[in-house]
Amino acid sequence: MSKLKQMRDFVRQELEHIPDSPFPQGELRLAYWHLRMHSLGRKGDRNKTPKAILEESLAIVRPDYPDFEFEYDVLFFGKVTKKPKHKK
């Protein structure tokens, strides 16, 4: 089994904890897929947790959908902050 296939299978299992609809959920899943695959790659940060990746993904998609309440499995990811933290 190839490393890439293993990574894809691993991320697909994590994505089972993020619903795929309604529409903005798909945007969240797309951002999560991209960031998680990168984190697992050769030059990625393999120490990033699923929660950290989800927080980054939410920071990417929330500005486009400020009134949408994104859903995810809190038992799997843990509680994520409502709004992204702004760096000063």
C-alpha atoms as a PDB file:
ATOM      1  CA  MET A   1       0.000   0.000   0.000  1.00  0.00           C
ATOM      2  CA  SER A   2       1.380   3.387  -0.920  1.00  0.00           C
ATOM      3  CA  LYS A   3       2.057   6.143   1.577  1.00  0.00           C
ATOM      4  CA  LEU A   4      -0.274   8.484  -0.339  1.00  0.00           C
ATOM      5  CA  LYS A   5      -3.129   5.964  -0.217  1.00  0.00           C
ATOM      6  CA  GLN A   6      -2.593   5.518   3.522  1.00  0.00           C
ATOM      7  CA  MET A   7      -2.702   9.282   4.036  1.00  0.00           C
ATOM      8  CA  ARG A   8      -5.894   9.605   1.984  1.00  0.00           C
ATOM      9  CA  ASP A   9      -7.585   6.788   3.891  1.00  0.00           C
ATOM     10  CA  PHE A  10      -6.544   8.343   7.200  1.00  0.00           C
ATOM     11  CA  VAL A  11      -7.939  11.768   6.273  1.00  0.00           C
ATOM     12  CA  ARG A  12     -11.154  10.219   4.898  1.00  0.00           C
ATOM     13  CA  GLN A  13     -11.701   8.579   8.294  1.00  0.00           C
ATOM     14  CA  GLU A  14     -11.279  11.945  10.022  1.00  0.00           C
ATOM     15  CA  LEU A  15     -13.646  13.614   7.537  1.00  0.00           C
ATOM     16  CA  GLU A  16     -16.383  11.243   8.693  1.00  0.00           C
ATOM     17  CA  HIS A  17     -16.562  13.548  11.732  1.00  0.00           C
ATOM     18  CA  ILE A  18     -17.444  16.625   9.632  1.00  0.00           C
ATOM     19  CA  PRO A  19     -20.871  16.548   7.918  1.00  0.00           C
ATOM     20  CA  ASP A  20     -20.830  17.220   4.168  1.00  0.00           C
ATOM     21  CA  SER A  21     -23.980  19.309   3.926  1.00  0.00           C
ATOM     22  CA  PRO A  22     -25.403  21.916   3.705  1.00  0.00           C
ATOM     23  CA  PHE A  23     -23.103  23.691   1.262  1.00  0.00           C
ATOM     24  CA  PRO A  24     -20.673  25.583   3.518  1.00  0.00           C
ATOM     25  CA  GLN A  25     -19.870  22.283   5.249  1.00  0.00           C
ATOM     26  CA  GLY A  26     -18.354  21.114   1.975  1.00  0.00           C
ATOM     27  CA  GLU A  27     -16.077  24.157   1.995  1.00  0.00           C
ATOM     28  CA  LEU A  28     -14.950  23.264   5.509  1.00  0.00           C
ATOM     29  CA  ARG A  29     -14.263  19.678   4.457  1.00  0.00           C
ATOM     30  CA  LEU A  30     -12.261  20.851   1.455  1.00  0.00           C
ATOM     31  CA  ALA A  31     -10.103  23.127   3.608  1.00  0.00           C
ATOM     32  CA  TYR A  32      -9.645  20.335   6.167  1.00  0.00           C
ATOM     33  CA  TRP A  33      -8.644  17.837   3.466  1.00  0.00           C
ATOM     34  CA  HIS A  34      -6.015  20.163   2.035  1.00  0.00           C
ATOM     35  CA  LEU A  35      -4.511  21.199   5.380  1.00  0.00           C
ATOM     36  CA  ARG A  36      -4.543  17.681   6.843  1.00  0.00           C
ATOM     37  CA  MET A  37      -2.942  16.096   3.783  1.00  0.00           C
ATOM     38  CA  HIS A  38      -0.229  18.758   3.885  1.00  0.00           C
ATOM     39  CA  SER A  39       0.357  18.165   7.602  1.00  0.00           C
ATOM     40  CA  LEU A  40       0.889  14.451   6.971  1.00  0.00           C
ATOM     41  CA  GLY A  41       3.229  14.932   4.023  1.00  0.00           C
ATOM     42  CA  ARG A  42       7.021  14.818   4.013  1.00  0.00           C
ATOM     43  CA  LYS A  43       7.427  18.512   4.803  1.00  0.00           C
ATOM     44  CA  GLY A  44       4.342  18.798   6.990  1.00  0.00           C
ATOM     45  CA  ASP A  45       3.947  19.087  10.728  1.00  0.00           C
ATOM     46  CA  ARG A  46       2.874  15.574  11.709  1.00  0.00           C
ATOM     47  CA  ASN A  47       2.378  16.677  15.321  1.00  0.00           C
ATOM     48  CA  LYS A  48      -0.675  18.769  14.403  1.00  0.00           C
ATOM     49  CA  THR A  49      -3.814  17.351  15.919  1.00  0.00           C
ATOM     50  CA  PRO A  50      -7.122  16.987  14.095  1.00  0.00           C
ATOM     51  CA  LYS A  51      -8.423  19.795  16.347  1.00  0.00           C
ATOM     52  CA  ALA A  52      -5.610  22.127  15.252  1.00  0.00           C
ATOM     53  CA  ILE A  53      -6.332  21.369  11.600  1.00  0.00           C
ATOM     54  CA  LEU A  54     -10.053  21.954  12.143  1.00  0.00           C
ATOM     55  CA  GLU A  55      -9.355  25.312  13.802  1.00  0.00           C
ATOM     56  CA  GLU A  56      -7.200  26.369  10.842  1.00  0.00           C
ATOM     57  CA  SER A  57      -9.890  25.195   8.427  1.00  0.00           C
ATOM     58  CA  LEU A  58     -12.580  27.154  10.255  1.00  0.00           C
ATOM     59  CA  ALA A  59     -10.375  30.265  10.205  1.00  0.00           C
ATOM     60  CA  ILE A  60     -10.219  29.931   6.416  1.00  0.00           C
ATOM     61  CA  VAL A  61     -13.936  29.413   5.726  1.00  0.00           C
ATOM     62  CA  ARG A  62     -15.644  31.472   8.448  1.00  0.00           C
ATOM     63  CA  PRO A  63     -14.959  34.883   6.869  1.00  0.00           C
ATOM     64  CA  ASP A  64     -16.945  33.809   3.780  1.00  0.00           C
ATOM     65  CA  TYR A  65     -19.841  32.443   5.875  1.00  0.00           C
ATOM     66  CA  PRO A  66     -19.900  34.563   9.066  1.00  0.00           C
ATOM     67  CA  ASP A  67     -23.474  33.640  10.031  1.00  0.00           C
ATOM     68  CA  PHE A  68     -23.229  29.913   9.330  1.00  0.00           C
ATOM     69  CA  GLU A  69     -22.834  27.523  12.255  1.00  0.00           C
ATOM     70  CA  PHE A  70     -20.392  24.887  11.085  1.00  0.00           C
ATOM     71  CA  GLU A  71     -20.938  21.387  12.456  1.00  0.00           C
ATOM     72  CA  TYR A  72     -18.362  18.833  13.502  1.00  0.00           C
ATOM     73  CA  ASP A  73     -18.058  15.976  15.974  1.00  0.00           C
ATOM     74  CA  VAL A  74     -17.126  17.650  19.271  1.00  0.00           C
ATOM     75  CA  LEU A  75     -16.330  14.289  20.855  1.00  0.00           C
ATOM     76  CA  PHE A  76     -13.735  13.609  18.154  1.00  0.00           C
ATOM     77  CA  PHE A  77     -12.234  17.099  17.702  1.00  0.00           C
ATOM     78  CA  GLY A  78     -12.924  18.644  21.085  1.00  0.00           C
ATOM     79  CA  LYS A  79     -14.426  22.075  21.587  1.00  0.00           C
ATOM     80  CA  VAL A  80     -13.203  24.624  19.051  1.00  0.00           C
ATOM     81  CA  THR A  81     -13.240  28.367  19.664  1.00  0.00           C
ATOM     82  CA  LYS A  82     -16.144  30.249  18.093  1.00  0.00           C
ATOM     83  CA  LYS A  83     -14.057  32.932  16.428  1.00  0.00           C
ATOM     84  CA  PRO A  84     -10.490  32.716  15.198  1.00  0.00           C
ATOM     85  CA  LYS A  85      -7.934  34.399  17.397  1.00  0.00           C
ATOM     86  CA  HIS A  86      -6.414  37.543  15.919  1.00  0.00           C
ATOM     87  CA  LYS A  87      -2.693  38.055  16.242  1.00  0.00           C
ATOM     88  CA  LYS A  88      -1.582  41.502  17.391  1.00  0.00           C
END
